[in-house]
Amino acid sequence: MQATAAEWALVLLAELRHALRRDASPAQLVFFQHDEVLLHVPAEVADDVAGAVHDAAATAGRRLFGDTGVRFPMPARVVEGYDEKVAVPVAR
């Protein structure tokens, strides 16, 4: 199971990088570990990038497992600084 999760995460990252480049996003991937992806993003595009994370998670699930009822939640939190624990809600 752990290997499949790692594979899913790698596909998610590939999809996310592709989307950010395709859209010429100013977002920068800062950190990734297990189930956390940390991006540095200007506030004015934070919601769009959060959407790209959600889309990448869904696409990774479809690429690996096909059309399934299983969902791959990837909640996004938008914060002002890396030290914040309270997130600004992201509509999605």
PDB file of N, CA and C in Angstrom:
ATOM      1  N   MET A   1       0.810  -1.181   0.000  1.00  0.00           N
ATOM      2  CA  MET A   1       0.000   0.000   0.000  1.00  0.00           C
ATOM      3  C   MET A   1       0.860   1.255   0.000  1.00  0.00           C
ATOM      4  N   GLN A   2       1.928   1.233   0.762  1.00  0.00           N
ATOM      5  CA  GLN A   2       2.780   2.408   0.865  1.00  0.00           C
ATOM      6  C   GLN A   2       3.424   2.737  -0.478  1.00  0.00           C
ATOM      7  N   ALA A   3       3.813   1.729  -1.235  1.00  0.00           N
ATOM      8  CA  ALA A   3       4.422   1.980  -2.545  1.00  0.00           C
ATOM      9  C   ALA A   3       3.419   2.615  -3.487  1.00  0.00           C
ATOM     10  N   THR A   4       2.168   2.186  -3.436  1.00  0.00           N
ATOM     11  CA  THR A   4       1.138   2.772  -4.289  1.00  0.00           C
ATOM     12  C   THR A   4       0.900   4.227  -3.912  1.00  0.00           C
ATOM     13  N   ALA A   5       0.906   4.546  -2.646  1.00  0.00           N
ATOM     14  CA  ALA A   5       0.744   5.930  -2.210  1.00  0.00           C
ATOM     15  C   ALA A   5       1.900   6.792  -2.705  1.00  0.00           C
ATOM     16  N   ALA A   6       3.092   6.257  -2.658  1.00  0.00           N
ATOM     17  CA  ALA A   6       4.260   7.002  -3.150  1.00  0.00           C
ATOM     18  C   ALA A   6       4.158   7.227  -4.645  1.00  0.00           C
ATOM     19  N   GLU A   7       3.701   6.221  -5.364  1.00  0.00           N
ATOM     20  CA  GLU A   7       3.521   6.363  -6.810  1.00  0.00           C
ATOM     21  C   GLU A   7       2.480   7.436  -7.110  1.00  0.00           C
ATOM     22  N   TRP A   8       1.363   7.417  -6.380  1.00  0.00           N
ATOM     23  CA  TRP A   8       0.318   8.425  -6.559  1.00  0.00           C
ATOM     24  C   TRP A   8       0.884   9.823  -6.299  1.00  0.00           C
ATOM     25  N   ALA A   9       1.671   9.972  -5.259  1.00  0.00           N
ATOM     26  CA  ALA A   9       2.253  11.276  -4.929  1.00  0.00           C
ATOM     27  C   ALA A   9       3.178  11.773  -6.038  1.00  0.00           C
ATOM     28  N   LEU A  10       3.952  10.873  -6.625  1.00  0.00           N
ATOM     29  CA  LEU A  10       4.843  11.277  -7.715  1.00  0.00           C
ATOM     30  C   LEU A  10       4.049  11.735  -8.936  1.00  0.00           C
ATOM     31  N   VAL A  11       2.962  11.045  -9.239  1.00  0.00           N
ATOM     32  CA  VAL A  11       2.124  11.456 -10.369  1.00  0.00           C
ATOM     33  C   VAL A  11       1.459  12.794 -10.056  1.00  0.00           C
ATOM     34  N   LEU A  12       0.999  12.963  -8.818  1.00  0.00           N
ATOM     35  CA  LEU A  12       0.421  14.248  -8.416  1.00  0.00           C
ATOM     36  C   LEU A  12       1.423  15.375  -8.641  1.00  0.00           C
ATOM     37  N   LEU A  13       2.652  15.186  -8.208  1.00  0.00           N
ATOM     38  CA  LEU A  13       3.676  16.228  -8.384  1.00  0.00           C
ATOM     39  C   LEU A  13       3.936  16.512  -9.856  1.00  0.00           C
ATOM     40  N   ALA A  14       3.992  15.481 -10.673  1.00  0.00           N
ATOM     41  CA  ALA A  14       4.208  15.677 -12.113  1.00  0.00           C
ATOM     42  C   ALA A  14       3.058  16.465 -12.717  1.00  0.00           C
ATOM     43  N   GLU A  15       1.828  16.111 -12.356  1.00  0.00           N
ATOM     44  CA  GLU A  15       0.653  16.827 -12.859  1.00  0.00           C
ATOM     45  C   GLU A  15       0.655  18.277 -12.394  1.00  0.00           C
ATOM     46  N   LEU A  16       0.993  18.493 -11.140  1.00  0.00           N
ATOM     47  CA  LEU A  16       1.020  19.853 -10.597  1.00  0.00           C
ATOM     48  C   LEU A  16       2.090  20.691 -11.271  1.00  0.00           C
ATOM     49  N   ARG A  17       3.284  20.153 -11.421  1.00  0.00           N
ATOM     50  CA  ARG A  17       4.357  20.889 -12.107  1.00  0.00           C
ATOM     51  C   ARG A  17       3.951  21.233 -13.531  1.00  0.00           C
ATOM     52  N   HIS A  18       3.334  20.270 -14.213  1.00  0.00           N
ATOM     53  CA  HIS A  18       2.881  20.511 -15.590  1.00  0.00           C
ATOM     54  C   HIS A  18       1.856  21.653 -15.630  1.00  0.00           C
ATOM     55  N   ALA A  19       0.869  21.616 -14.746  1.00  0.00           N
ATOM     56  CA  ALA A  19      -0.171  22.646 -14.721  1.00  0.00           C
ATOM     57  C   ALA A  19       0.418  24.019 -14.418  1.00  0.00           C
ATOM     58  N   LEU A  20       1.339  24.084 -13.467  1.00  0.00           N
ATOM     59  CA  LEU A  20       1.938  25.374 -13.114  1.00  0.00           C
ATOM     60  C   LEU A  20       2.757  25.942 -14.269  1.00  0.00           C
ATOM     61  N   ARG A  21       3.489  25.091 -14.962  1.00  0.00           N
ATOM     62  CA  ARG A  21       4.265  25.561 -16.126  1.00  0.00           C
ATOM     63  C   ARG A  21       3.346  25.973 -17.265  1.00  0.00           C
ATOM     64  N   ARG A  22       2.341  25.131 -17.539  1.00  0.00           N
ATOM     65  CA  ARG A  22       1.396  25.404 -18.626  1.00  0.00           C
ATOM     66  C   ARG A  22       0.713  26.756 -18.426  1.00  0.00           C
ATOM     67  N   ASP A  23       0.363  27.048 -17.187  1.00  0.00           N
ATOM     68  CA  ASP A  23      -0.346  28.287 -16.882  1.00  0.00           C
ATOM     69  C   ASP A  23       0.599  29.454 -16.575  1.00  0.00           C
ATOM     70  N   ALA A  24       1.897  29.229 -16.716  1.00  0.00           N
ATOM     71  CA  ALA A  24       2.907  30.252 -16.413  1.00  0.00           C
ATOM     72  C   ALA A  24       2.688  30.815 -14.999  1.00  0.00           C
ATOM     73  N   SER A  25       2.388  29.936 -14.067  1.00  0.00           N
ATOM     74  CA  SER A  25       2.121  30.341 -12.690  1.00  0.00           C
ATOM     75  C   SER A  25       3.410  30.788 -12.002  1.00  0.00           C
ATOM     76  N   PRO A  26       3.303  31.791 -11.156  1.00  0.00           N
ATOM     77  CA  PRO A  26       4.468  32.214 -10.374  1.00  0.00           C
ATOM     78  C   PRO A  26       4.710  31.319  -9.158  1.00  0.00           C
ATOM     79  N   ALA A  27       3.851  30.327  -8.939  1.00  0.00           N
ATOM     80  CA  ALA A  27       3.987  29.436  -7.782  1.00  0.00           C
ATOM     81  C   ALA A  27       5.287  28.646  -7.859  1.00  0.00           C
ATOM     82  N   GLN A  28       5.878  28.448  -6.699  1.00  0.00           N
ATOM     83  CA  GLN A  28       7.121  27.678  -6.617  1.00  0.00           C
ATOM     84  C   GLN A  28       6.936  26.533  -5.626  1.00  0.00           C
ATOM     85  N   LEU A  29       7.304  25.333  -6.051  1.00  0.00           N
ATOM     86  CA  LEU A  29       7.265  24.179  -5.157  1.00  0.00           C
ATOM     87  C   LEU A  29       8.418  24.326  -4.164  1.00  0.00           C
ATOM     88  N   VAL A  30       8.083  24.363  -2.880  1.00  0.00           N
ATOM     89  CA  VAL A  30       9.080  24.584  -1.836  1.00  0.00           C
ATOM     90  C   VAL A  30       9.479  23.282  -1.161  1.00  0.00           C
ATOM     91  N   PHE A  31       8.480  22.422  -0.913  1.00  0.00           N
ATOM     92  CA  PHE A  31       8.751  21.241  -0.088  1.00  0.00           C
ATOM     93  C   PHE A  31       7.709  20.175  -0.394  1.00  0.00           C
ATOM     94  N   PHE A  32       8.135  18.928  -0.398  1.00  0.00           N
ATOM     95  CA  PHE A  32       7.206  17.817  -0.531  1.00  0.00           C
ATOM     96  C   PHE A  32       7.690  16.681   0.360  1.00  0.00           C
ATOM     97  N   GLN A  33       6.762  16.129   1.154  1.00  0.00           N
ATOM     98  CA  GLN A  33       7.091  14.960   1.967  1.00  0.00           C
ATOM     99  C   GLN A  33       5.798  14.206   2.251  1.00  0.00           C
ATOM    100  N   HIS A  34       5.792  12.946   1.894  1.00  0.00           N
ATOM    101  CA  HIS A  34       4.646  12.056   2.117  1.00  0.00           C
ATOM    102  C   HIS A  34       3.364  12.619   1.525  1.00  0.00           C
ATOM    103  N   ASP A  35       2.551  13.278   2.348  1.00  0.00           N
ATOM    104  CA  ASP A  35       1.273  13.794   1.869  1.00  0.00           C
ATOM    105  C   ASP A  35       1.185  15.314   1.987  1.00  0.00           C
ATOM    106  N   GLU A  36       2.321  15.971   2.041  1.00  0.00           N
ATOM    107  CA  GLU A  36       2.337  17.430   2.133  1.00  0.00           C
ATOM    108  C   GLU A  36       3.077  18.025   0.951  1.00  0.00           C
ATOM    109  N   VAL A  37       2.446  19.008   0.340  1.00  0.00           N
ATOM    110  CA  VAL A  37       3.066  19.770  -0.733  1.00  0.00           C
ATOM    111  C   VAL A  37       3.021  21.223  -0.284  1.00  0.00           C
ATOM    112  N   LEU A  38       4.170  21.851  -0.203  1.00  0.00           N
ATOM    113  CA  LEU A  38       4.255  23.235   0.236  1.00  0.00           C
ATOM    114  C   LEU A  38       4.670  24.079  -0.966  1.00  0.00           C
ATOM    115  N   LEU A  39       3.845  25.090  -1.256  1.00  0.00           N
ATOM    116  CA  LEU A  39       4.112  25.974  -2.386  1.00  0.00           C
ATOM    117  C   LEU A  39       4.210  27.409  -1.895  1.00  0.00           C
ATOM    118  N   HIS A  40       5.085  28.177  -2.512  1.00  0.00           N
ATOM    119  CA  HIS A  40       5.180  29.611  -2.245  1.00  0.00           C
ATOM    120  C   HIS A  40       4.453  30.291  -3.402  1.00  0.00           C
ATOM    121  N   VAL A  41       3.396  31.045  -3.072  1.00  0.00           N
ATOM    122  CA  VAL A  41       2.499  31.568  -4.098  1.00  0.00           C
ATOM    123  C   VAL A  41       2.098  32.997  -3.756  1.00  0.00           C
ATOM    124  N   PRO A  42       2.118  33.899  -4.737  1.00  0.00           N
ATOM    125  CA  PRO A  42       1.574  35.237  -4.480  1.00  0.00           C
ATOM    126  C   PRO A  42       0.091  35.138  -4.092  1.00  0.00           C
ATOM    127  N   ALA A  43      -0.326  35.962  -3.155  1.00  0.00           N
ATOM    128  CA  ALA A  43      -1.698  35.903  -2.629  1.00  0.00           C
ATOM    129  C   ALA A  43      -2.752  35.983  -3.728  1.00  0.00           C
ATOM    130  N   GLU A  44      -2.515  36.763  -4.744  1.00  0.00           N
ATOM    131  CA  GLU A  44      -3.545  36.973  -5.769  1.00  0.00           C
ATOM    132  C   GLU A  44      -3.828  35.731  -6.618  1.00  0.00           C
ATOM    133  N   VAL A  45      -2.960  34.725  -6.574  1.00  0.00           N
ATOM    134  CA  VAL A  45      -3.213  33.492  -7.339  1.00  0.00           C
ATOM    135  C   VAL A  45      -3.317  32.258  -6.428  1.00  0.00           C
ATOM    136  N   ALA A  46      -3.378  32.482  -5.119  1.00  0.00           N
ATOM    137  CA  ALA A  46      -3.383  31.363  -4.172  1.00  0.00           C
ATOM    138  C   ALA A  46      -4.576  30.428  -4.391  1.00  0.00           C
ATOM    139  N   ASP A  47      -5.761  30.972  -4.606  1.00  0.00           N
ATOM    140  CA  ASP A  47      -6.930  30.111  -4.815  1.00  0.00           C
ATOM    141  C   ASP A  47      -6.808  29.310  -6.105  1.00  0.00           C
ATOM    142  N   ASP A  48      -6.257  29.926  -7.156  1.00  0.00           N
ATOM    143  CA  ASP A  48      -6.063  29.209  -8.420  1.00  0.00           C
ATOM    144  C   ASP A  48      -5.081  28.055  -8.246  1.00  0.00           C
ATOM    145  N   VAL A  49      -4.011  28.286  -7.509  1.00  0.00           N
ATOM    146  CA  VAL A  49      -3.008  27.243  -7.291  1.00  0.00           C
ATOM    147  C   VAL A  49      -3.577  26.142  -6.393  1.00  0.00           C
ATOM    148  N   ALA A  50      -4.373  26.510  -5.404  1.00  0.00           N
ATOM    149  CA  ALA A  50      -5.043  25.502  -4.578  1.00  0.00           C
ATOM    150  C   ALA A  50      -5.928  24.625  -5.465  1.00  0.00           C
ATOM    151  N   GLY A  51      -6.601  25.231  -6.424  1.00  0.00           N
ATOM    152  CA  GLY A  51      -7.401  24.468  -7.378  1.00  0.00           C
ATOM    153  C   GLY A  51      -6.547  23.535  -8.218  1.00  0.00           C
ATOM    154  N   ALA A  52      -5.374  24.001  -8.596  1.00  0.00           N
ATOM    155  CA  ALA A  52      -4.461  23.157  -9.377  1.00  0.00           C
ATOM    156  C   ALA A  52      -4.003  21.948  -8.564  1.00  0.00           C
ATOM    157  N   VAL A  53      -3.821  22.121  -7.264  1.00  0.00           N
ATOM    158  CA  VAL A  53      -3.450  20.995  -6.392  1.00  0.00           C
ATOM    159  C   VAL A  53      -4.585  19.969  -6.364  1.00  0.00           C
ATOM    160  N   HIS A  54      -5.804  20.448  -6.184  1.00  0.00           N
ATOM    161  CA  HIS A  54      -6.966  19.546  -6.177  1.00  0.00           C
ATOM    162  C   HIS A  54      -7.089  18.804  -7.504  1.00  0.00           C
ATOM    163  N   ASP A  55      -6.931  19.528  -8.599  1.00  0.00           N
ATOM    164  CA  ASP A  55      -7.038  18.915  -9.926  1.00  0.00           C
ATOM    165  C   ASP A  55      -5.942  17.883 -10.144  1.00  0.00           C
ATOM    166  N   ALA A  56      -4.726  18.187  -9.702  1.00  0.00           N
ATOM    167  CA  ALA A  56      -3.610  17.254  -9.857  1.00  0.00           C
ATOM    168  C   ALA A  56      -3.861  15.970  -9.063  1.00  0.00           C
ATOM    169  N   ALA A  57      -4.434  16.105  -7.876  1.00  0.00           N
ATOM    170  CA  ALA A  57      -4.743  14.925  -7.062  1.00  0.00           C
ATOM    171  C   ALA A  57      -5.784  14.051  -7.758  1.00  0.00           C
ATOM    172  N   ALA A  58      -6.813  14.676  -8.294  1.00  0.00           N
ATOM    173  CA  ALA A  58      -7.858  13.913  -8.988  1.00  0.00           C
ATOM    174  C   ALA A  58      -7.306  13.243 -10.246  1.00  0.00           C
ATOM    175  N   THR A  59      -6.482  13.962 -10.999  1.00  0.00           N
ATOM    176  CA  THR A  59      -5.901  13.399 -12.219  1.00  0.00           C
ATOM    177  C   THR A  59      -4.962  12.245 -11.892  1.00  0.00           C
ATOM    178  N   ALA A  60      -4.166  12.397 -10.849  1.00  0.00           N
ATOM    179  CA  ALA A  60      -3.262  11.308 -10.444  1.00  0.00           C
ATOM    180  C   ALA A  60      -4.064  10.057 -10.102  1.00  0.00           C
ATOM    181  N   GLY A  61      -5.171  10.219  -9.409  1.00  0.00           N
ATOM    182  CA  GLY A  61      -6.016   9.079  -9.071  1.00  0.00           C
ATOM    183  C   GLY A  61      -6.561   8.395 -10.315  1.00  0.00           C
ATOM    184  N   ARG A  62      -7.031   9.188 -11.281  1.00  0.00           N
ATOM    185  CA  ARG A  62      -7.560   8.598 -12.521  1.00  0.00           C
ATOM    186  C   ARG A  62      -6.474   7.907 -13.330  1.00  0.00           C
ATOM    187  N   ARG A  63      -5.292   8.522 -13.392  1.00  0.00           N
ATOM    188  CA  ARG A  63      -4.208   7.917 -14.176  1.00  0.00           C
ATOM    189  C   ARG A  63      -3.781   6.561 -13.612  1.00  0.00           C
ATOM    190  N   LEU A  64      -3.754   6.453 -12.297  1.00  0.00           N
ATOM    191  CA  LEU A  64      -3.285   5.214 -11.672  1.00  0.00           C
ATOM    192  C   LEU A  64      -4.378   4.165 -11.483  1.00  0.00           C
ATOM    193  N   PHE A  65      -5.598   4.608 -11.217  1.00  0.00           N
ATOM    194  CA  PHE A  65      -6.635   3.663 -10.823  1.00  0.00           C
ATOM    195  C   PHE A  65      -7.858   3.678 -11.731  1.00  0.00           C
ATOM    196  N   GLY A  66      -7.832   4.508 -12.747  1.00  0.00           N
ATOM    197  CA  GLY A  66      -8.959   4.553 -13.668  1.00  0.00           C
ATOM    198  C   GLY A  66     -10.160   5.260 -13.066  1.00  0.00           C
ATOM    199  N   ASP A  67     -11.313   5.044 -13.688  1.00  0.00           N
ATOM    200  CA  ASP A  67     -12.544   5.666 -13.235  1.00  0.00           C
ATOM    201  C   ASP A  67     -13.090   4.871 -12.058  1.00  0.00           C
ATOM    202  N   THR A  68     -12.894   5.390 -10.869  1.00  0.00           N
ATOM    203  CA  THR A  68     -13.287   4.687  -9.650  1.00  0.00           C
ATOM    204  C   THR A  68     -14.040   5.636  -8.734  1.00  0.00           C
ATOM    205  N   GLY A  69     -14.812   5.079  -7.853  1.00  0.00           N
ATOM    206  CA  GLY A  69     -15.511   5.892  -6.868  1.00  0.00           C
ATOM    207  C   GLY A  69     -14.617   6.354  -5.729  1.00  0.00           C
ATOM    208  N   VAL A  70     -13.401   5.850  -5.685  1.00  0.00           N
ATOM    209  CA  VAL A  70     -12.456   6.237  -4.636  1.00  0.00           C
ATOM    210  C   VAL A  70     -12.001   7.672  -4.877  1.00  0.00           C
ATOM    211  N   ARG A  71     -12.019   8.468  -3.846  1.00  0.00           N
ATOM    212  CA  ARG A  71     -11.571   9.866  -3.940  1.00  0.00           C
ATOM    213  C   ARG A  71     -10.220  10.007  -3.255  1.00  0.00           C
ATOM    214  N   PHE A  72      -9.450  10.967  -3.724  1.00  0.00           N
ATOM    215  CA  PHE A  72      -8.114  11.208  -3.195  1.00  0.00           C
ATOM    216  C   PHE A  72      -8.066  12.644  -2.674  1.00  0.00           C
ATOM    217  N   PRO A  73      -8.552  12.859  -1.467  1.00  0.00           N
ATOM    218  CA  PRO A  73      -8.628  14.220  -0.952  1.00  0.00           C
ATOM    219  C   PRO A  73      -7.240  14.826  -0.741  1.00  0.00           C
ATOM    220  N   MET A  74      -7.104  16.038  -1.135  1.00  0.00           N
ATOM    221  CA  MET A  74      -5.854  16.773  -0.956  1.00  0.00           C
ATOM    222  C   MET A  74      -6.249  18.175  -0.511  1.00  0.00           C
ATOM    223  N   PRO A  75      -6.615  18.320   0.765  1.00  0.00           N
ATOM    224  CA  PRO A  75      -7.076  19.628   1.222  1.00  0.00           C
ATOM    225  C   PRO A  75      -5.966  20.668   1.112  1.00  0.00           C
ATOM    226  N   ALA A  76      -6.335  21.823   0.621  1.00  0.00           N
ATOM    227  CA  ALA A  76      -5.371  22.922   0.485  1.00  0.00           C
ATOM    228  C   ALA A  76      -5.645  23.956   1.572  1.00  0.00           C
ATOM    229  N   ARG A  77      -4.579  24.473   2.137  1.00  0.00           N
ATOM    230  CA  ARG A  77      -4.687  25.542   3.117  1.00  0.00           C
ATOM    231  C   ARG A  77      -3.844  26.698   2.631  1.00  0.00           C
ATOM    232  N   VAL A  78      -4.433  27.864   2.628  1.00  0.00           N
ATOM    233  CA  VAL A  78      -3.716  29.069   2.243  1.00  0.00           C
ATOM    234  C   VAL A  78      -3.401  29.838   3.512  1.00  0.00           C
ATOM    235  N   VAL A  79      -2.123  30.117   3.728  1.00  0.00           N
ATOM    236  CA  VAL A  79      -1.691  30.849   4.915  1.00  0.00           C
ATOM    237  C   VAL A  79      -0.792  32.007   4.489  1.00  0.00           C
ATOM    238  N   GLU A  80      -0.626  32.944   5.391  1.00  0.00           N
ATOM    239  CA  GLU A  80       0.224  34.109   5.117  1.00  0.00           C
ATOM    240  C   GLU A  80       1.712  33.787   5.252  1.00  0.00           C
ATOM    241  N   GLY A  81       2.043  32.843   6.148  1.00  0.00           N
ATOM    242  CA  GLY A  81       3.447  32.513   6.390  1.00  0.00           C
ATOM    243  C   GLY A  81       3.592  31.045   6.732  1.00  0.00           C
ATOM    244  N   TYR A  82       4.787  30.535   6.577  1.00  0.00           N
ATOM    245  CA  TYR A  82       5.069  29.121   6.823  1.00  0.00           C
ATOM    246  C   TYR A  82       4.810  28.701   8.262  1.00  0.00           C
ATOM    247  N   ASP A  83       4.836  29.644   9.176  1.00  0.00           N
ATOM    248  CA  ASP A  83       4.675  29.313  10.588  1.00  0.00           C
ATOM    249  C   ASP A  83       3.218  29.271  11.034  1.00  0.00           C
ATOM    250  N   GLU A  84       2.282  29.607  10.173  1.00  0.00           N
ATOM    251  CA  GLU A  84       0.870  29.654  10.544  1.00  0.00           C
ATOM    252  C   GLU A  84       0.235  28.282  10.558  1.00  0.00           C
ATOM    253  N   LYS A  85      -0.568  28.046  11.573  1.00  0.00           N
ATOM    254  CA  LYS A  85      -1.289  26.785  11.663  1.00  0.00           C
ATOM    255  C   LYS A  85      -2.760  26.966  11.305  1.00  0.00           C
ATOM    256  N   VAL A  86      -3.270  28.177  11.450  1.00  0.00           N
ATOM    257  CA  VAL A  86      -4.665  28.452  11.123  1.00  0.00           C
ATOM    258  C   VAL A  86      -4.715  28.860   9.653  1.00  0.00           C
ATOM    259  N   ALA A  87      -5.528  28.161   8.913  1.00  0.00           N
ATOM    260  CA  ALA A  87      -5.578  28.385   7.479  1.00  0.00           C
ATOM    261  C   ALA A  87      -6.757  29.263   7.087  1.00  0.00           C
ATOM    262  N   VAL A  88      -6.553  29.971   6.003  1.00  0.00           N
ATOM    263  CA  VAL A  88      -7.621  30.698   5.364  1.00  0.00           C
ATOM    264  C   VAL A  88      -8.394  29.677   4.533  1.00  0.00           C
ATOM    265  N   PRO A  89      -9.723  29.600   4.692  1.00  0.00           N
ATOM    266  CA  PRO A  89     -10.478  28.591   3.943  1.00  0.00           C
ATOM    267  C   PRO A  89     -10.326  28.783   2.435  1.00  0.00           C
ATOM    268  N   VAL A  90     -10.243  27.677   1.728  1.00  0.00           N
ATOM    269  CA  VAL A  90     -10.160  27.691   0.274  1.00  0.00           C
ATOM    270  C   VAL A  90     -11.426  27.044  -0.256  1.00  0.00           C
ATOM    271  N   ALA A  91     -12.160  27.796  -1.044  1.00  0.00           N
ATOM    272  CA  ALA A  91     -13.379  27.227  -1.647  1.00  0.00           C
ATOM    273  C   ALA A  91     -12.986  26.302  -2.772  1.00  0.00           C
ATOM    274  N   ARG A  92     -13.567  25.093  -2.754  1.00  0.00           N
ATOM    275  CA  ARG A  92     -13.285  24.135  -3.847  1.00  0.00           C
ATOM    276  C   ARG A  92     -14.259  23.022  -3.793  1.00  0.00           C
TER     277      ARG A  92
END
